[in-house]
C-alpha atoms as a PDB file:
ATOM      1  CA  UNK A   1       1.942   1.793-125.389  1.00  0.00           C
ATOM      2  CA  UNK A   2      -1.033   0.094-124.849  1.00  0.00           C
ATOM      3  CA  UNK A   3      -2.607  -2.998-125.556  1.00  0.00           C
ATOM      4  CA  UNK A   4      -4.325  -1.588-128.300  1.00  0.00           C
ATOM      5  CA  UNK A   5      -1.770  -0.379-130.042  1.00  0.00           C
ATOM      6  CA  UNK A   6      -2.519   3.722-129.039  1.00  0.00           C
ATOM      7  CA  UNK A   7      -0.173   6.548-129.345  1.00  0.00           C
ATOM      8  CA  UNK A   8      -0.140   8.036-125.599  1.00  0.00           C
ATOM      9  CA  UNK A   9      -1.685  11.524-126.561  1.00  0.00           C
ATOM     10  CA  UNK A  10      -0.327  13.204-123.644  1.00  0.00           C
ATOM     11  CA  UNK A  11       3.227  12.022-124.341  1.00  0.00           C
ATOM     12  CA  UNK A  12       3.147  13.623-128.191  1.00  0.00           C
ATOM     13  CA  UNK A  13       1.577  16.722-126.862  1.00  0.00           C
ATOM     14  CA  UNK A  14       4.797  16.598-124.423  1.00  0.00           C
ATOM     15  CA  UNK A  15       7.341  16.298-126.668  1.00  0.00           C
ATOM     16  CA  UNK A  16       5.759  18.997-129.357  1.00  0.00           C
ATOM     17  CA  UNK A  17       6.147  21.205-125.768  1.00  0.00           C
ATOM     18  CA  UNK A  18       9.356  20.501-124.900  1.00  0.00           C
ATOM     19  CA  UNK A  19      10.516  20.897-129.087  1.00  0.00           C
ATOM     20  CA  UNK A  20       8.855  24.827-128.767  1.00  0.00           C
ATOM     21  CA  UNK A  21      10.724  25.530-125.582  1.00  0.00           C
ATOM     22  CA  UNK A  22      14.203  23.988-126.713  1.00  0.00           C
ATOM     23  CA  UNK A  23      13.744  25.662-130.424  1.00  0.00           C
ATOM     24  CA  UNK A  24      13.786  29.004-128.876  1.00  0.00           C
ATOM     25  CA  UNK A  25      17.114  28.330-127.271  1.00  0.00           C
ATOM     26  CA  UNK A  26      19.434  29.494-129.813  1.00  0.00           C
ATOM     27  CA  UNK A  27      17.678  33.097-130.599  1.00  0.00           C
ATOM     28  CA  UNK A  28      17.345  33.942-126.750  1.00  0.00           C
ATOM     29  CA  UNK A  29      20.847  32.651-126.277  1.00  0.00           C
ATOM     30  CA  UNK A  30      22.540  34.203-129.224  1.00  0.00           C
ATOM     31  CA  UNK A  31      23.020  38.003-128.110  1.00  0.00           C
ATOM     32  CA  UNK A  32      24.085  36.142-124.482  1.00  0.00           C
ATOM     33  CA  UNK A  33      26.686  33.663-126.125  1.00  0.00           C
ATOM     34  CA  UNK A  34      28.982  36.632-127.562  1.00  0.00           C
ATOM     35  CA  UNK A  35      28.962  38.069-124.370  1.00  0.00           C
ATOM     36  CA  UNK A  36      29.335  35.067-121.744  1.00  0.00           C
ATOM     37  CA  UNK A  37      32.055  32.379-121.797  1.00  0.00           C
ATOM     38  CA  UNK A  38      30.632  29.158-123.089  1.00  0.00           C
ATOM     39  CA  UNK A  39      31.134  27.507-119.903  1.00  0.00           C
ATOM     40  CA  UNK A  40      29.564  29.899-117.757  1.00  0.00           C
ATOM     41  CA  UNK A  41      26.375  30.335-119.840  1.00  0.00           C
ATOM     42  CA  UNK A  42      26.053  26.365-119.486  1.00  0.00           C
ATOM     43  CA  UNK A  43      26.738  26.123-116.001  1.00  0.00           C
ATOM     44  CA  UNK A  44      23.877  29.207-115.895  1.00  0.00           C
ATOM     45  CA  UNK A  45      21.545  27.739-117.760  1.00  0.00           C
ATOM     46  CA  UNK A  46      21.664  24.013-115.968  1.00  0.00           C
ATOM     47  CA  UNK A  47      21.157  26.083-112.558  1.00  0.00           C
ATOM     48  CA  UNK A  48      18.147  27.699-113.956  1.00  0.00           C
ATOM     49  CA  UNK A  49      16.699  24.428-115.428  1.00  0.00           C
ATOM     50  CA  UNK A  50      17.383  23.105-111.785  1.00  0.00           C
ATOM     51  CA  UNK A  51      15.452  25.960-110.141  1.00  0.00           C
ATOM     52  CA  UNK A  52      12.662  26.060-112.515  1.00  0.00           C
ATOM     53  CA  UNK A  53      11.652  22.573-112.073  1.00  0.00           C
ATOM     54  CA  UNK A  54      12.476  22.529-107.800  1.00  0.00           C
ATOM     55  CA  UNK A  55       8.916  23.246-106.493  1.00  0.00           C
ATOM     56  CA  UNK A  56       7.441  20.839-108.158  1.00  0.00           C
ATOM     57  CA  UNK A  57      10.429  18.204-108.004  1.00  0.00           C
ATOM     58  CA  UNK A  58      10.414  18.357-103.956  1.00  0.00           C
ATOM     59  CA  UNK A  59       6.912  17.001-103.484  1.00  0.00           C
ATOM     60  CA  UNK A  60       8.104  13.684-105.320  1.00  0.00           C
ATOM     61  CA  UNK A  61      10.300  11.283-102.719  1.00  0.00           C
ATOM     62  CA  UNK A  62      11.831   8.500-104.843  1.00  0.00           C
ATOM     63  CA  UNK A  63      13.273   5.528-103.652  1.00  0.00           C
ATOM     64  CA  UNK A  64      16.940   4.821-103.635  1.00  0.00           C
ATOM     65  CA  UNK A  65      18.539   5.144-107.182  1.00  0.00           C
ATOM     66  CA  UNK A  66      20.323   1.687-107.892  1.00  0.00           C
ATOM     67  CA  UNK A  67      23.381   1.325-109.506  1.00  0.00           C
ATOM     68  CA  UNK A  68      22.089   0.612-112.922  1.00  0.00           C
ATOM     69  CA  UNK A  69      19.875   3.856-113.130  1.00  0.00           C
ATOM     70  CA  UNK A  70      22.542   5.919-110.559  1.00  0.00           C
ATOM     71  CA  UNK A  71      24.962   5.139-114.222  1.00  0.00           C
ATOM     72  CA  UNK A  72      22.364   6.371-116.797  1.00  0.00           C
ATOM     73  CA  UNK A  73      21.656   8.995-114.814  1.00  0.00           C
ATOM     74  CA  UNK A  74      25.704  10.418-114.362  1.00  0.00           C
ATOM     75  CA  UNK A  75      26.019   9.473-118.193  1.00  0.00           C
ATOM     76  CA  UNK A  76      23.263  11.737-119.149  1.00  0.00           C
ATOM     77  CA  UNK A  77      24.532  14.275-117.036  1.00  0.00           C
ATOM     78  CA  UNK A  78      27.669  14.781-118.463  1.00  0.00           C
ATOM     79  CA  UNK A  79      26.911  13.876-122.358  1.00  0.00           C
ATOM     80  CA  UNK A  80      23.898  15.851-122.342  1.00  0.00           C
ATOM     81  CA  UNK A  81      24.732  18.456-119.471  1.00  0.00           C
ATOM     82  CA  UNK A  82      27.779  19.260-119.610  1.00  0.00           C
ATOM     83  CA  UNK A  83      29.433  18.666-123.109  1.00  0.00           C
ATOM     84  CA  UNK A  84      26.635  19.241-125.442  1.00  0.00           C
ATOM     85  CA  UNK A  85      25.554  22.745-124.059  1.00  0.00           C
ATOM     86  CA  UNK A  86      28.628  23.982-124.439  1.00  0.00           C
ATOM     87  CA  UNK A  87      29.752  22.960-127.784  1.00  0.00           C
ATOM     88  CA  UNK A  88      26.007  24.440-129.083  1.00  0.00           C
ATOM     89  CA  UNK A  89      27.018  28.070-127.482  1.00  0.00           C
ATOM     90  CA  UNK A  90      30.450  27.383-129.465  1.00  0.00           C
ATOM     91  CA  UNK A  91      28.796  26.762-132.451  1.00  0.00           C
ATOM     92  CA  UNK A  92      26.335  30.228-132.003  1.00  0.00           C
ATOM     93  CA  UNK A  93      29.909  31.936-132.027  1.00  0.00           C
ATOM     94  CA  UNK A  94      30.353  30.707-135.427  1.00  0.00           C
ATOM     95  CA  UNK A  95      26.922  30.491-136.950  1.00  0.00           C
ATOM     96  CA  UNK A  96      23.565  32.827-136.873  1.00  0.00           C
ATOM     97  CA  UNK A  97      20.739  31.858-134.549  1.00  0.00           C
ATOM     98  CA  UNK A  98      18.477  30.422-137.517  1.00  0.00           C
ATOM     99  CA  UNK A  99      21.477  27.942-138.645  1.00  0.00           C
ATOM    100  CA  UNK A 100      22.283  26.699-135.230  1.00  0.00           C
ATOM    101  CA  UNK A 101      18.565  25.574-134.775  1.00  0.00           C
ATOM    102  CA  UNK A 102      18.012  23.845-137.792  1.00  0.00           C
ATOM    103  CA  UNK A 103      21.473  22.176-137.608  1.00  0.00           C
ATOM    104  CA  UNK A 104      20.115  20.850-134.378  1.00  0.00           C
ATOM    105  CA  UNK A 105      18.072  18.697-136.487  1.00  0.00           C
ATOM    106  CA  UNK A 106      20.796  16.180-136.532  1.00  0.00           C
ATOM    107  CA  UNK A 107      19.758  14.968-132.974  1.00  0.00           C
ATOM    108  CA  UNK A 108      16.736  12.906-134.221  1.00  0.00           C
ATOM    109  CA  UNK A 109      19.266  11.020-137.298  1.00  0.00           C
ATOM    110  CA  UNK A 110      21.862  10.826-133.865  1.00  0.00           C
ATOM    111  CA  UNK A 111      19.327   9.110-131.559  1.00  0.00           C
ATOM    112  CA  UNK A 112      17.959   6.782-134.407  1.00  0.00           C
ATOM    113  CA  UNK A 113      21.134   5.584-135.041  1.00  0.00           C
ATOM    114  CA  UNK A 114      22.265   4.983-131.733  1.00  0.00           C
ATOM    115  CA  UNK A 115      18.809   3.529-130.460  1.00  0.00           C
ATOM    116  CA  UNK A 116      19.202   0.819-133.332  1.00  0.00           C
ATOM    117  CA  UNK A 117      22.722   0.068-132.917  1.00  0.00           C
ATOM    118  CA  UNK A 118      23.094  -0.086-128.821  1.00  0.00           C
ATOM    119  CA  UNK A 119      19.714   0.135-126.906  1.00  0.00           C
ATOM    120  CA  UNK A 120      17.212  -1.784-128.555  1.00  0.00           C
ATOM    121  CA  UNK A 121      15.235   1.041-129.831  1.00  0.00           C
ATOM    122  CA  UNK A 122      15.024  -0.606-132.997  1.00  0.00           C
ATOM    123  CA  UNK A 123      13.761   0.490-136.489  1.00  0.00           C
ATOM    124  CA  UNK A 124      11.586  -0.472-139.036  1.00  0.00           C
ATOM    125  CA  UNK A 125      11.623   0.012-143.242  1.00  0.00           C
ATOM    126  CA  UNK A 126       9.460   3.673-142.191  1.00  0.00           C
ATOM    127  CA  UNK A 127      11.710   4.414-139.547  1.00  0.00           C
ATOM    128  CA  UNK A 128      14.802   4.041-141.414  1.00  0.00           C
ATOM    129  CA  UNK A 129      13.537   6.314-144.657  1.00  0.00           C
ATOM    130  CA  UNK A 130      12.578   9.016-141.504  1.00  0.00           C
ATOM    131  CA  UNK A 131      16.476   8.701-140.591  1.00  0.00           C
ATOM    132  CA  UNK A 132      17.347   9.303-144.235  1.00  0.00           C
ATOM    133  CA  UNK A 133      14.906  12.251-144.606  1.00  0.00           C
ATOM    134  CA  UNK A 134      16.454  13.737-141.441  1.00  0.00           C
ATOM    135  CA  UNK A 135      20.165  13.690-142.756  1.00  0.00           C
ATOM    136  CA  UNK A 136      19.322  14.953-146.136  1.00  0.00           C
ATOM    137  CA  UNK A 137      17.941  17.755-144.152  1.00  0.00           C
ATOM    138  CA  UNK A 138      20.837  18.228-141.858  1.00  0.00           C
ATOM    139  CA  UNK A 139      23.148  18.440-145.108  1.00  0.00           C
ATOM    140  CA  UNK A 140      20.842  20.801-146.832  1.00  0.00           C
ATOM    141  CA  UNK A 141      21.578  23.145-143.758  1.00  0.00           C
ATOM    142  CA  UNK A 142      24.993  22.841-143.276  1.00  0.00           C
ATOM    143  CA  UNK A 143      25.829  23.285-147.170  1.00  0.00           C
ATOM    144  CA  UNK A 144      27.436  26.675-148.161  1.00  0.00           C
ATOM    145  CA  UNK A 145      27.916  27.969-144.740  1.00  0.00           C
ATOM    146  CA  UNK A 146      32.207  27.708-146.226  1.00  0.00           C
ATOM    147  CA  UNK A 147      34.400  27.890-143.558  1.00  0.00           C
ATOM    148  CA  UNK A 148      32.147  29.157-140.183  1.00  0.00           C
ATOM    149  CA  UNK A 149      29.409  27.180-141.543  1.00  0.00           C
ATOM    150  CA  UNK A 150      31.858  24.118-141.519  1.00  0.00           C
ATOM    151  CA  UNK A 151      32.815  24.605-137.534  1.00  0.00           C
ATOM    152  CA  UNK A 152      29.756  24.723-136.342  1.00  0.00           C
ATOM    153  CA  UNK A 153      28.668  21.943-138.016  1.00  0.00           C
ATOM    154  CA  UNK A 154      30.930  19.868-136.283  1.00  0.00           C
ATOM    155  CA  UNK A 155      30.671  21.337-133.007  1.00  0.00           C
ATOM    156  CA  UNK A 156      26.687  21.159-133.226  1.00  0.00           C
ATOM    157  CA  UNK A 157      27.107  17.435-134.961  1.00  0.00           C
ATOM    158  CA  UNK A 158      29.128  16.737-131.381  1.00  0.00           C
ATOM    159  CA  UNK A 159      26.432  18.506-129.192  1.00  0.00           C
ATOM    160  CA  UNK A 160      23.505  16.253-131.632  1.00  0.00           C
ATOM    161  CA  UNK A 161      25.734  12.878-130.428  1.00  0.00           C
ATOM    162  CA  UNK A 162      25.718  14.049-126.735  1.00  0.00           C
ATOM    163  CA  UNK A 163      22.111  14.707-126.701  1.00  0.00           C
ATOM    164  CA  UNK A 164      21.573  11.780-128.512  1.00  0.00           C
ATOM    165  CA  UNK A 165      23.072   9.520-125.673  1.00  0.00           C
ATOM    166  CA  UNK A 166      21.430  11.741-123.420  1.00  0.00           C
ATOM    167  CA  UNK A 167      17.981  10.876-124.924  1.00  0.00           C
ATOM    168  CA  UNK A 168      18.639   6.906-124.185  1.00  0.00           C
ATOM    169  CA  UNK A 169      19.976   7.029-120.768  1.00  0.00           C
ATOM    170  CA  UNK A 170      17.070   8.818-119.104  1.00  0.00           C
ATOM    171  CA  UNK A 171      14.768   7.485-121.153  1.00  0.00           C
ATOM    172  CA  UNK A 172      15.342   4.432-119.123  1.00  0.00           C
ATOM    173  CA  UNK A 173      15.683   6.005-115.765  1.00  0.00           C
ATOM    174  CA  UNK A 174      12.813   4.216-114.278  1.00  0.00           C
ATOM    175  CA  UNK A 175      13.148   5.250-110.835  1.00  0.00           C
ATOM    176  CA  UNK A 176      13.308   8.713-111.001  1.00  0.00           C
ATOM    177  CA  UNK A 177      10.083  10.998-112.040  1.00  0.00           C
ATOM    178  CA  UNK A 178      11.019  13.359-115.221  1.00  0.00           C
ATOM    179  CA  UNK A 179      11.450  16.541-112.518  1.00  0.00           C
ATOM    180  CA  UNK A 180      13.673  14.947-110.413  1.00  0.00           C
ATOM    181  CA  UNK A 181      15.867  13.408-113.373  1.00  0.00           C
ATOM    182  CA  UNK A 182      15.950  17.537-114.789  1.00  0.00           C
ATOM    183  CA  UNK A 183      16.924  18.590-110.752  1.00  0.00           C
ATOM    184  CA  UNK A 184      19.233  15.985-110.607  1.00  0.00           C
ATOM    185  CA  UNK A 185      20.527  17.062-114.121  1.00  0.00           C
ATOM    186  CA  UNK A 186      20.293  20.877-113.718  1.00  0.00           C
ATOM    187  CA  UNK A 187      22.103  20.963-110.659  1.00  0.00           C
ATOM    188  CA  UNK A 188      24.859  18.457-111.162  1.00  0.00           C
ATOM    189  CA  UNK A 189      25.899  19.704-114.425  1.00  0.00           C
ATOM    190  CA  UNK A 190      25.244  23.721-114.080  1.00  0.00           C
ATOM    191  CA  UNK A 191      27.241  23.239-110.716  1.00  0.00           C
ATOM    192  CA  UNK A 192      30.265  20.981-112.914  1.00  0.00           C
ATOM    193  CA  UNK A 193      30.205  23.590-115.496  1.00  0.00           C
ATOM    194  CA  UNK A 194      30.617  26.569-113.431  1.00  0.00           C
ATOM    195  CA  UNK A 195      33.295  25.573-111.418  1.00  0.00           C
ATOM    196  CA  UNK A 196      35.261  24.584-114.266  1.00  0.00           C
ATOM    197  CA  UNK A 197      34.466  28.096-115.398  1.00  0.00           C
ATOM    198  CA  UNK A 198      35.701  29.890-112.595  1.00  0.00           C
ATOM    199  CA  UNK A 199      39.146  27.742-112.787  1.00  0.00           C
ATOM    200  CA  UNK A 200      39.376  28.303-116.529  1.00  0.00           C
ATOM    201  CA  UNK A 201      37.831  31.764-117.294  1.00  0.00           C
ATOM    202  CA  UNK A 202      36.736  33.068-114.295  1.00  0.00           C
ATOM    203  CA  UNK A 203      34.859  36.037-115.760  1.00  0.00           C
ATOM    204  CA  UNK A 204      31.614  37.140-114.466  1.00  0.00           C
ATOM    205  CA  UNK A 205      28.606  38.028-116.570  1.00  0.00           C
ATOM    206  CA  UNK A 206      26.630  41.245-115.536  1.00  0.00           C
ATOM    207  CA  UNK A 207      23.852  40.867-113.023  1.00  0.00           C
ATOM    208  CA  UNK A 208      21.482  41.265-115.953  1.00  0.00           C
ATOM    209  CA  UNK A 209      22.810  38.236-117.938  1.00  0.00           C
ATOM    210  CA  UNK A 210      22.978  36.070-115.396  1.00  0.00           C
ATOM    211  CA  UNK A 211      19.240  36.602-114.645  1.00  0.00           C
ATOM    212  CA  UNK A 212      18.465  36.094-118.258  1.00  0.00           C
ATOM    213  CA  UNK A 213      20.393  32.937-118.393  1.00  0.00           C
ATOM    214  CA  UNK A 214      19.061  31.570-115.739  1.00  0.00           C
ATOM    215  CA  UNK A 215      15.371  32.333-116.962  1.00  0.00           C
ATOM    216  CA  UNK A 216      16.301  30.990-120.746  1.00  0.00           C
ATOM    217  CA  UNK A 217      17.437  28.021-118.708  1.00  0.00           C
ATOM    218  CA  UNK A 218      14.273  27.356-116.718  1.00  0.00           C
ATOM    219  CA  UNK A 219      12.136  27.651-119.803  1.00  0.00           C
ATOM    220  CA  UNK A 220      14.255  26.109-122.284  1.00  0.00           C
ATOM    221  CA  UNK A 221      16.037  23.635-120.294  1.00  0.00           C
ATOM    222  CA  UNK A 222      14.004  22.557-116.924  1.00  0.00           C
ATOM    223  CA  UNK A 223      10.607  22.730-118.201  1.00  0.00           C
ATOM    224  CA  UNK A 224      11.681  21.276-122.062  1.00  0.00           C
ATOM    225  CA  UNK A 225      13.679  18.396-120.579  1.00  0.00           C
ATOM    226  CA  UNK A 226      10.993  17.083-117.953  1.00  0.00           C
ATOM    227  CA  UNK A 227       8.299  17.411-120.440  1.00  0.00           C
ATOM    228  CA  UNK A 228      11.048  15.441-122.883  1.00  0.00           C
ATOM    229  CA  UNK A 229      11.679  13.036-120.418  1.00  0.00           C
ATOM    230  CA  UNK A 230       7.981  12.160-119.659  1.00  0.00           C
ATOM    231  CA  UNK A 231       7.987  11.300-123.759  1.00  0.00           C
ATOM    232  CA  UNK A 232      10.730   9.403-124.110  1.00  0.00           C
ATOM    233  CA  UNK A 233       9.529   6.957-121.335  1.00  0.00           C
ATOM    234  CA  UNK A 234       6.218   6.826-122.625  1.00  0.00           C
ATOM    235  CA  UNK A 235       7.698   6.503-126.481  1.00  0.00           C
ATOM    236  CA  UNK A 236      10.861   5.388-126.600  1.00  0.00           C
ATOM    237  CA  UNK A 237      13.480   7.913-126.932  1.00  0.00           C
ATOM    238  CA  UNK A 238      13.612   7.547-130.713  1.00  0.00           C
ATOM    239  CA  UNK A 239      10.182   8.149-131.173  1.00  0.00           C
ATOM    240  CA  UNK A 240       9.952  11.224-128.997  1.00  0.00           C
ATOM    241  CA  UNK A 241      13.112  12.317-130.556  1.00  0.00           C
ATOM    242  CA  UNK A 242      11.136  12.238-133.953  1.00  0.00           C
ATOM    243  CA  UNK A 243       8.610  14.769-132.125  1.00  0.00           C
ATOM    244  CA  UNK A 244      11.410  16.724-130.447  1.00  0.00           C
ATOM    245  CA  UNK A 245      12.608  17.033-134.001  1.00  0.00           C
ATOM    246  CA  UNK A 246      10.042  20.198-134.646  1.00  0.00           C
ATOM    247  CA  UNK A 247      12.353  21.959-132.404  1.00  0.00           C
ATOM    248  CA  UNK A 248      14.659  23.492-135.082  1.00  0.00           C
ATOM    249  CA  UNK A 249      11.354  25.110-136.679  1.00  0.00           C
ATOM    250  CA  UNK A 250      10.379  27.187-133.861  1.00  0.00           C
ATOM    251  CA  UNK A 251      13.693  28.032-133.272  1.00  0.00           C
ATOM    252  CA  UNK A 252      13.864  29.455-137.424  1.00  0.00           C
ATOM    253  CA  UNK A 253      10.903  31.418-136.781  1.00  0.00           C
ATOM    254  CA  UNK A 254      11.687  33.071-133.340  1.00  0.00           C
ATOM    255  CA  UNK A 255      15.529  33.604-135.201  1.00  0.00           C
ATOM    256  CA  UNK A 256      13.452  35.489-137.898  1.00  0.00           C
ATOM    257  CA  UNK A 257      11.099  37.140-135.832  1.00  0.00           C
ATOM    258  CA  UNK A 258      13.815  38.527-132.715  1.00  0.00           C
ATOM    259  CA  UNK A 259      17.129  38.882-134.250  1.00  0.00           C
ATOM    260  CA  UNK A 260      16.057  39.251-138.029  1.00  0.00           C
ATOM    261  CA  UNK A 261      18.076  36.017-139.514  1.00  0.00           C
ATOM    262  CA  UNK A 262      17.100  35.060-143.008  1.00  0.00           C
ATOM    263  CA  UNK A 263      15.895  31.904-144.419  1.00  0.00           C
ATOM    264  CA  UNK A 264      18.072  30.748-146.898  1.00  0.00           C
ATOM    265  CA  UNK A 265      17.775  28.612-149.707  1.00  0.00           C
ATOM    266  CA  UNK A 266      18.924  25.373-148.385  1.00  0.00           C
ATOM    267  CA  UNK A 267      16.775  26.331-145.156  1.00  0.00           C
ATOM    268  CA  UNK A 268      13.759  26.230-147.134  1.00  0.00           C
ATOM    269  CA  UNK A 269      14.022  23.251-149.042  1.00  0.00           C
ATOM    270  CA  UNK A 270      15.200  21.269-145.622  1.00  0.00           C
ATOM    271  CA  UNK A 271      11.898  22.355-143.790  1.00  0.00           C
ATOM    272  CA  UNK A 272       9.361  19.594-145.455  1.00  0.00           C
ATOM    273  CA  UNK A 273      12.441  16.850-145.417  1.00  0.00           C
ATOM    274  CA  UNK A 274      12.554  17.079-141.555  1.00  0.00           C
ATOM    275  CA  UNK A 275       8.870  17.154-141.228  1.00  0.00           C
ATOM    276  CA  UNK A 276       7.995  14.261-143.180  1.00  0.00           C
ATOM    277  CA  UNK A 277      11.601  12.781-141.045  1.00  0.00           C
ATOM    278  CA  UNK A 278       9.665  12.999-137.816  1.00  0.00           C
ATOM    279  CA  UNK A 279       5.929  11.812-139.316  1.00  0.00           C
ATOM    280  CA  UNK A 280       7.836   8.683-140.539  1.00  0.00           C
ATOM    281  CA  UNK A 281      10.029   7.828-137.258  1.00  0.00           C
ATOM    282  CA  UNK A 282       6.711   8.366-135.267  1.00  0.00           C
ATOM    283  CA  UNK A 283       4.549   5.796-137.346  1.00  0.00           C
ATOM    284  CA  UNK A 284       7.553   3.513-137.332  1.00  0.00           C
ATOM    285  CA  UNK A 285       5.929   0.683-134.934  1.00  0.00           C
ATOM    286  CA  UNK A 286       5.889  -3.034-135.002  1.00  0.00           C
ATOM    287  CA  UNK A 287       4.113  -6.268-133.117  1.00  0.00           C
ATOM    288  CA  UNK A 288       5.125  -9.561-131.875  1.00  0.00           C
ATOM    289  CA  UNK A 289       5.116 -12.325-129.213  1.00  0.00           C
ATOM    290  CA  UNK A 290       7.307 -11.036-126.688  1.00  0.00           C
ATOM    291  CA  UNK A 291       8.119 -11.463-122.841  1.00  0.00           C
ATOM    292  CA  UNK A 292       8.428  -9.215-119.952  1.00  0.00           C
ATOM    293  CA  UNK A 293      10.324 -10.445-117.142  1.00  0.00           C
ATOM    294  CA  UNK A 294       9.098  -9.426-113.689  1.00  0.00           C
ATOM    295  CA  UNK A 295      10.203  -5.594-112.706  1.00  0.00           C
ATOM    296  CA  UNK A 296       9.850  -3.236-109.903  1.00  0.00           C
ATOM    297  CA  UNK A 297      10.137   0.234-110.870  1.00  0.00           C
ATOM    298  CA  UNK A 298       8.268   3.780-110.781  1.00  0.00           C
ATOM    299  CA  UNK A 299       6.771   6.154-113.454  1.00  0.00           C
ATOM    300  CA  UNK A 300       4.012   7.851-114.706  1.00  0.00           C
ATOM    301  CA  UNK A 301       1.286   5.509-115.771  1.00  0.00           C
ATOM    302  CA  UNK A 302      -2.026   4.765-116.770  1.00  0.00           C
ATOM    303  CA  UNK A 303      -4.172   1.565-115.777  1.00  0.00           C
ATOM    304  CA  UNK A 304      -5.668   0.765-119.388  1.00  0.00           C
ATOM    305  CA  UNK A 305      -2.270   0.865-121.294  1.00  0.00           C
ATOM    306  CA  UNK A 306      -2.269  -3.092-120.880  1.00  0.00           C
ATOM    307  CA  UNK A 307       0.709  -3.626-118.483  1.00  0.00           C
ATOM    308  CA  UNK A 308      -0.526  -1.925-115.079  1.00  0.00           C
ATOM    309  CA  UNK A 309      -3.173  -3.481-113.458  1.00  0.00           C
ATOM    310  CA  UNK A 310      -2.816  -3.009-110.362  1.00  0.00           C
ATOM    311  CA  UNK A 311      -5.960  -1.573-107.405  1.00  0.00           C
ATOM    312  CA  UNK A 312      -6.486   2.227-106.529  1.00  0.00           C
ATOM    313  CA  UNK A 313      -9.274   3.378-104.582  1.00  0.00           C
ATOM    314  CA  UNK A 314     -10.987   6.309-106.217  1.00  0.00           C
ATOM    315  CA  UNK A 315      -8.696   6.152-109.315  1.00  0.00           C
ATOM    316  CA  UNK A 316     -10.319   5.975-112.756  1.00  0.00           C
ATOM    317  CA  UNK A 317      -8.195   3.831-115.362  1.00  0.00           C
ATOM    318  CA  UNK A 318      -7.511   6.931-117.291  1.00  0.00           C
ATOM    319  CA  UNK A 319      -6.048   8.619-114.517  1.00  0.00           C
ATOM    320  CA  UNK A 320      -2.131   9.692-114.697  1.00  0.00           C
ATOM    321  CA  UNK A 321       0.003   8.643-111.479  1.00  0.00           C
ATOM    322  CA  UNK A 322       3.498   8.201-110.226  1.00  0.00           C
ATOM    323  CA  UNK A 323       4.456   5.798-107.585  1.00  0.00           C
ATOM    324  CA  UNK A 324       6.794   2.329-107.315  1.00  0.00           C
ATOM    325  CA  UNK A 325       4.866  -0.914-108.660  1.00  0.00           C
ATOM    326  CA  UNK A 326       5.863  -4.591-109.450  1.00  0.00           C
ATOM    327  CA  UNK A 327       5.173  -6.244-112.551  1.00  0.00           C
ATOM    328  CA  UNK A 328       4.446 -10.077-113.003  1.00  0.00           C
ATOM    329  CA  UNK A 329       6.617 -11.855-115.441  1.00  0.00           C
ATOM    330  CA  UNK A 330       4.152 -11.829-118.314  1.00  0.00           C
ATOM    331  CA  UNK A 331       4.310 -12.766-122.582  1.00  0.00           C
ATOM    332  CA  UNK A 332       1.965 -11.205-124.709  1.00  0.00           C
ATOM    333  CA  UNK A 333       1.900  -9.646-128.445  1.00  0.00           C
ATOM    334  CA  UNK A 334       0.322  -6.183-129.115  1.00  0.00           C
ATOM    335  CA  UNK A 335       1.598  -3.662-131.392  1.00  0.00           C
ATOM    336  CA  UNK A 336       4.223  -1.442-129.264  1.00  0.00           C
ATOM    337  CA  UNK A 337       7.014   1.273-128.661  1.00  0.00           C
ATOM    338  CA  UNK A 338      10.248   0.662-127.367  1.00  0.00           C
ATOM    339  CA  UNK A 339       9.082   2.301-123.689  1.00  0.00           C
ATOM    340  CA  UNK A 340       9.610   1.547-120.304  1.00  0.00           C
ATOM    341  CA  UNK A 341       8.065  -2.180-120.918  1.00  0.00           C
ATOM    342  CA  UNK A 342       9.423  -2.967-124.049  1.00  0.00           C
ATOM    343  CA  UNK A 343      13.222  -2.991-124.448  1.00  0.00           C
ATOM    344  CA  UNK A 344      13.592  -6.733-125.469  1.00  0.00           C
ATOM    345  CA  UNK A 345      15.899  -8.485-127.946  1.00  0.00           C
ATOM    346  CA  UNK A 346      14.338  -8.887-131.880  1.00  0.00           C
ATOM    347  CA  UNK A 347      15.396 -11.618-134.126  1.00  0.00           C
ATOM    348  CA  UNK A 348      17.426  -9.547-136.256  1.00  0.00           C
ATOM    349  CA  UNK A 349      19.849  -8.329-133.437  1.00  0.00           C
END
């Protein structure tokens, strides 16, 4: 967030691009989910994610991870890379792709609640109204699905909690570029799920299904995760998630186009609520005097944001770039989001 209180447009575009790609996952995976065991499919998806970002990731040589960032990465891998996708793929066996895509709207509320309660990512009145709208939309989506719909809703809710934890942990990793975070998550999560599958359900998919899973994983998880992490580091996990909450609508549209899924009355009623939730949460910013302690870290940044005033030759202030850098301690006041530089306590905490 800049000193003038601007929302970074590049981060907003990245979050929306991530939403589009992730929203495509449910309808694209529905046929595969009926043929491939969830652990196998989840493993292939995350290996595909790693392969997609590997050509770019290898160009970045980060400093060694300290214990704090290593713990964050490990937690993100377990919650968001291993557990959550398996739960989501199980849900696809109980409900249509359109229903599962829309139920993923739970993630924005889960991310907001974890942010407010645990991760110093606070919400004001507008933000809480947005969370209420997101929850109302999710209830409308789950309503009327019978026992299979209820099972799918529980599975997706658990997956969303895992991804919400992943969202906050990856937003706080400040020594790895987003593509390297994605590469690490993809390699570790993909390998772990495939090893578990080999031990528990040793049934191999066809070569065509395996290639399809790798390609879907590369686009809908690899590129999507890298874009999302970039946005979350600039906007904070809750605001990035508010934009990412458009993913279900992309999923519904593609499910209708690809699989012929029809929208229920509840889904039609939920759409404006979910859209309002995204807008309300994203608009929820605040301003107050705050102190930054001295810190050394690495992330993408530009020099017109009020926090990065070191010199480079031949680089404009508006050019984004990535390198390790040090911030001196400073105290100031401006409108801001809970990005990498603004995870401080507030008086009401």
